[in-house]
N, C-alpha and C. Protein backbone atom coordinates (compact mmCIF):
# COMPACT_ATOMS: atom_id res chain seq x y z
N MET A 1 -0.50 18.19 -14.08
CA MET A 1 -1.02 18.50 -12.73
C MET A 1 0.11 18.70 -11.81
N MET A 2 -0.29 19.70 -10.82
CA MET A 2 0.58 19.94 -9.93
C MET A 2 0.78 19.11 -8.68
N LYS A 3 2.08 18.80 -8.24
CA LYS A 3 2.41 17.90 -7.09
C LYS A 3 2.22 18.81 -5.68
N ASN A 4 1.55 18.36 -4.92
CA ASN A 4 1.48 18.90 -3.46
C ASN A 4 2.93 19.31 -3.12
N VAL A 5 3.06 20.34 -2.74
CA VAL A 5 4.35 20.60 -2.08
C VAL A 5 4.82 20.13 -0.86
N ASN A 6 3.98 19.59 -0.13
CA ASN A 6 4.14 19.00 1.39
C ASN A 6 4.33 17.35 0.89
N GLU A 7 3.93 16.67 -0.11
CA GLU A 7 3.97 15.46 -0.33
C GLU A 7 5.05 14.90 -0.20
N GLY A 8 5.56 13.76 0.55
CA GLY A 8 7.00 13.34 0.82
C GLY A 8 7.58 13.94 2.00
N LYS A 9 6.91 15.03 2.64
CA LYS A 9 7.47 15.65 3.84
C LYS A 9 6.74 15.29 4.83
N GLY A 10 7.23 14.86 6.02
CA GLY A 10 6.82 14.26 7.33
C GLY A 10 6.48 12.82 7.51
N ILE A 11 6.50 12.63 8.81
CA ILE A 11 6.71 11.12 9.04
C ILE A 11 5.08 10.62 8.50
N PHE A 12 3.96 11.19 8.50
CA PHE A 12 2.64 10.56 8.29
C PHE A 12 2.41 10.81 6.74
N ALA A 13 3.33 11.36 5.89
CA ALA A 13 3.09 11.80 4.62
C ALA A 13 2.90 10.47 3.71
N PRO A 14 3.80 9.47 3.88
CA PRO A 14 3.63 8.28 2.84
C PRO A 14 2.13 7.50 3.29
N ALA A 15 1.58 7.77 4.57
CA ALA A 15 0.35 7.05 4.68
C ALA A 15 -0.92 7.87 4.14
N VAL A 16 -0.45 9.31 4.31
CA VAL A 16 -1.44 10.17 3.87
C VAL A 16 -1.80 9.69 2.21
N VAL A 17 -0.43 9.82 1.53
CA VAL A 17 -0.60 9.73 0.04
C VAL A 17 -1.11 8.34 -0.25
N VAL A 18 -0.77 7.42 0.51
CA VAL A 18 -1.17 5.85 0.07
C VAL A 18 -2.96 5.83 0.27
N THR A 19 -3.38 6.38 1.27
CA THR A 19 -4.73 6.60 1.64
C THR A 19 -5.54 7.43 0.51
N ARG A 20 -5.00 8.52 0.17
CA ARG A 20 -5.42 9.39 -0.76
C ARG A 20 -5.61 8.43 -2.38
N ASN A 21 -4.56 7.59 -2.40
CA ASN A 21 -4.58 6.79 -3.80
C ASN A 21 -5.64 5.66 -3.72
N ILE A 22 -5.97 4.97 -2.56
CA ILE A 22 -6.82 4.05 -2.29
C ILE A 22 -8.20 4.62 -2.39
N ILE A 23 -8.57 5.48 -1.67
CA ILE A 23 -9.90 5.92 -1.56
C ILE A 23 -10.40 7.10 -2.62
N GLY A 24 -9.15 7.52 -3.46
CA GLY A 24 -9.48 8.80 -4.27
C GLY A 24 -9.56 9.95 -3.75
N LYS A 25 -9.12 10.89 -4.78
CA LYS A 25 -8.89 12.18 -4.44
C LYS A 25 -10.07 12.97 -3.66
N LYS A 26 -11.26 12.74 -4.53
CA LYS A 26 -12.30 13.33 -4.14
C LYS A 26 -12.88 13.08 -2.67
N SER A 27 -13.06 11.66 -2.29
CA SER A 27 -13.19 11.33 -1.14
C SER A 27 -12.55 11.60 -0.09
N PHE A 28 -11.15 11.28 -0.21
CA PHE A 28 -9.98 11.85 0.68
C PHE A 28 -10.05 13.28 1.07
N ASN A 29 -10.23 14.12 0.01
CA ASN A 29 -10.60 15.69 0.53
C ASN A 29 -11.79 15.76 1.38
N GLN A 30 -12.84 15.24 1.07
CA GLN A 30 -14.00 15.27 1.98
C GLN A 30 -13.73 14.79 3.30
N LEU A 31 -13.04 13.69 3.47
CA LEU A 31 -12.45 13.26 4.66
C LEU A 31 -11.83 14.22 5.47
N ARG A 32 -10.92 14.66 4.64
CA ARG A 32 -9.85 15.46 5.34
C ARG A 32 -10.48 16.65 5.88
N GLY A 33 -11.42 17.17 5.07
CA GLY A 33 -12.29 18.50 5.36
C GLY A 33 -13.01 18.42 6.67
N LYS A 34 -13.77 16.92 7.10
CA LYS A 34 -14.54 16.88 8.09
C LYS A 34 -13.40 16.59 9.17
N ALA A 35 -12.04 16.25 9.28
CA ALA A 35 -11.24 15.95 10.22
C ALA A 35 -10.86 17.24 10.83
N ILE A 36 -10.51 18.16 9.75
CA ILE A 36 -10.01 19.73 10.09
C ILE A 36 -11.11 20.39 10.75
N ALA A 37 -12.22 20.13 10.37
CA ALA A 37 -13.73 20.83 11.03
C ALA A 37 -13.64 20.62 12.49
N LEU A 38 -13.54 19.04 12.56
CA LEU A 38 -13.77 18.55 13.83
C LEU A 38 -12.46 18.96 14.62
N HIS A 39 -11.30 19.04 14.18
CA HIS A 39 -9.84 19.39 15.07
C HIS A 39 -10.31 21.11 15.39
N SER A 40 -10.85 21.80 14.60
CA SER A 40 -11.14 23.14 14.89
C SER A 40 -12.09 23.28 15.86
N GLN A 41 -13.05 22.57 15.73
CA GLN A 41 -14.10 22.68 17.05
C GLN A 41 -13.61 22.01 18.31
N VAL A 42 -12.78 21.29 18.21
CA VAL A 42 -11.98 20.76 19.60
C VAL A 42 -11.02 21.87 20.12
N ILE A 43 -10.33 22.46 19.21
CA ILE A 43 -9.65 23.59 19.64
C ILE A 43 -10.63 24.78 20.22
N THR A 44 -11.65 25.15 19.65
CA THR A 44 -12.56 26.11 19.97
C THR A 44 -13.19 25.76 21.39
N GLU A 45 -13.61 24.65 21.33
CA GLU A 45 -14.08 24.32 22.90
C GLU A 45 -13.21 24.20 24.31
N PHE A 46 -11.55 23.79 23.31
CA PHE A 46 -10.58 24.13 24.48
C PHE A 46 -10.52 25.39 24.76
N CYS A 47 -10.42 26.36 24.01
CA CYS A 47 -10.30 27.93 24.03
C CYS A 47 -11.64 28.33 25.01
N LYS A 48 -12.72 27.98 24.80
CA LYS A 48 -13.82 28.23 25.63
C LYS A 48 -13.82 27.84 26.87
N SER A 49 -13.01 26.45 27.19
CA SER A 49 -13.03 26.03 28.60
C SER A 49 -11.87 26.99 29.46
N ILE A 50 -10.96 27.31 28.45
CA ILE A 50 -9.72 28.05 29.41
C ILE A 50 -10.03 29.63 29.22
N GLY A 51 -10.94 29.80 28.65
CA GLY A 51 -11.34 31.58 28.69
C GLY A 51 -10.34 32.21 27.65
N ALA A 52 -9.76 31.62 26.46
CA ALA A 52 -8.88 32.19 25.64
C ALA A 52 -10.03 32.72 24.50
N ASP A 53 -9.47 34.16 24.09
CA ASP A 53 -10.19 35.05 22.98
C ASP A 53 -10.02 34.33 21.69
N SER A 54 -10.72 35.00 20.83
CA SER A 54 -10.76 34.63 19.27
C SER A 54 -9.13 34.77 18.50
N LYS A 55 -8.43 35.82 19.27
CA LYS A 55 -7.29 35.84 18.63
C LYS A 55 -6.34 34.73 18.91
N GLN A 56 -6.18 34.13 20.37
CA GLN A 56 -5.58 33.10 20.75
C GLN A 56 -6.00 31.74 19.93
N ARG A 57 -7.40 31.91 19.78
CA ARG A 57 -8.05 30.55 19.27
C ARG A 57 -7.55 30.55 17.67
N GLN A 58 -7.63 31.57 16.80
CA GLN A 58 -6.90 31.61 15.88
C GLN A 58 -5.29 31.36 15.67
N GLY A 59 -4.70 31.57 16.67
CA GLY A 59 -3.15 31.27 16.74
C GLY A 59 -3.07 29.83 16.92
N LEU A 60 -3.97 29.39 17.67
CA LEU A 60 -3.90 27.70 17.96
C LEU A 60 -4.09 27.13 16.69
N ILE A 61 -5.11 27.50 16.12
CA ILE A 61 -5.23 27.02 14.82
C ILE A 61 -4.29 26.97 13.68
N ARG A 62 -3.70 28.09 13.49
CA ARG A 62 -2.43 28.25 12.83
C ARG A 62 -1.56 27.50 13.14
N LEU A 63 -1.27 27.09 14.50
CA LEU A 63 -0.25 26.51 14.92
C LEU A 63 -0.48 25.08 14.67
N ALA A 64 -1.68 24.35 14.62
CA ALA A 64 -2.03 23.27 14.24
C ALA A 64 -1.93 22.87 12.70
N LYS A 65 -2.29 23.64 11.99
CA LYS A 65 -1.91 23.82 10.71
C LYS A 65 -0.39 23.61 10.30
N LYS A 66 0.25 24.41 10.85
CA LYS A 66 1.61 24.30 11.00
C LYS A 66 2.23 22.75 11.06
N ASN A 67 1.92 22.49 12.50
CA ASN A 67 2.21 21.02 13.04
C ASN A 67 1.64 19.88 11.95
N GLY A 68 0.65 19.92 11.26
CA GLY A 68 0.12 18.97 10.40
C GLY A 68 0.85 19.02 9.06
N GLU A 69 1.54 20.23 8.58
CA GLU A 69 2.18 20.28 7.61
C GLU A 69 3.43 19.68 7.93
N TRP A 70 4.18 19.79 9.05
CA TRP A 70 5.19 19.32 9.52
C TRP A 70 5.24 17.86 9.66
N LEU A 71 4.18 17.42 10.27
CA LEU A 71 3.98 15.83 10.40
C LEU A 71 3.59 15.34 9.23
N GLY A 72 3.21 15.74 8.07
CA GLY A 72 2.93 15.20 6.99
C GLY A 72 1.14 15.03 6.66
N PHE A 73 0.53 15.52 7.38
CA PHE A 73 -0.79 15.25 7.44
C PHE A 73 -1.46 15.95 6.23
N LEU A 74 -0.82 17.01 5.43
CA LEU A 74 -1.12 17.80 4.53
C LEU A 74 -0.49 17.43 3.21
N ALA A 75 0.03 16.05 3.32
CA ALA A 75 0.70 15.79 1.88
C ALA A 75 -0.21 15.29 0.93
């Protein structure tokens, strides 16, 4: 089995790994998917409120993913 390349990186990585081990990989991935979808919706609503176009919205979503990796949320 391949290890996640982000595992152990970022301040929140240990909490993410422990949570995944406690609730199981399948449930964890479902929860993570819901959180990512909700966060994308928040970004979309923000972009609508400030009049940002879809290219800017995609840029913000990419930035959120990079920040999540850096912080360890994608461990």
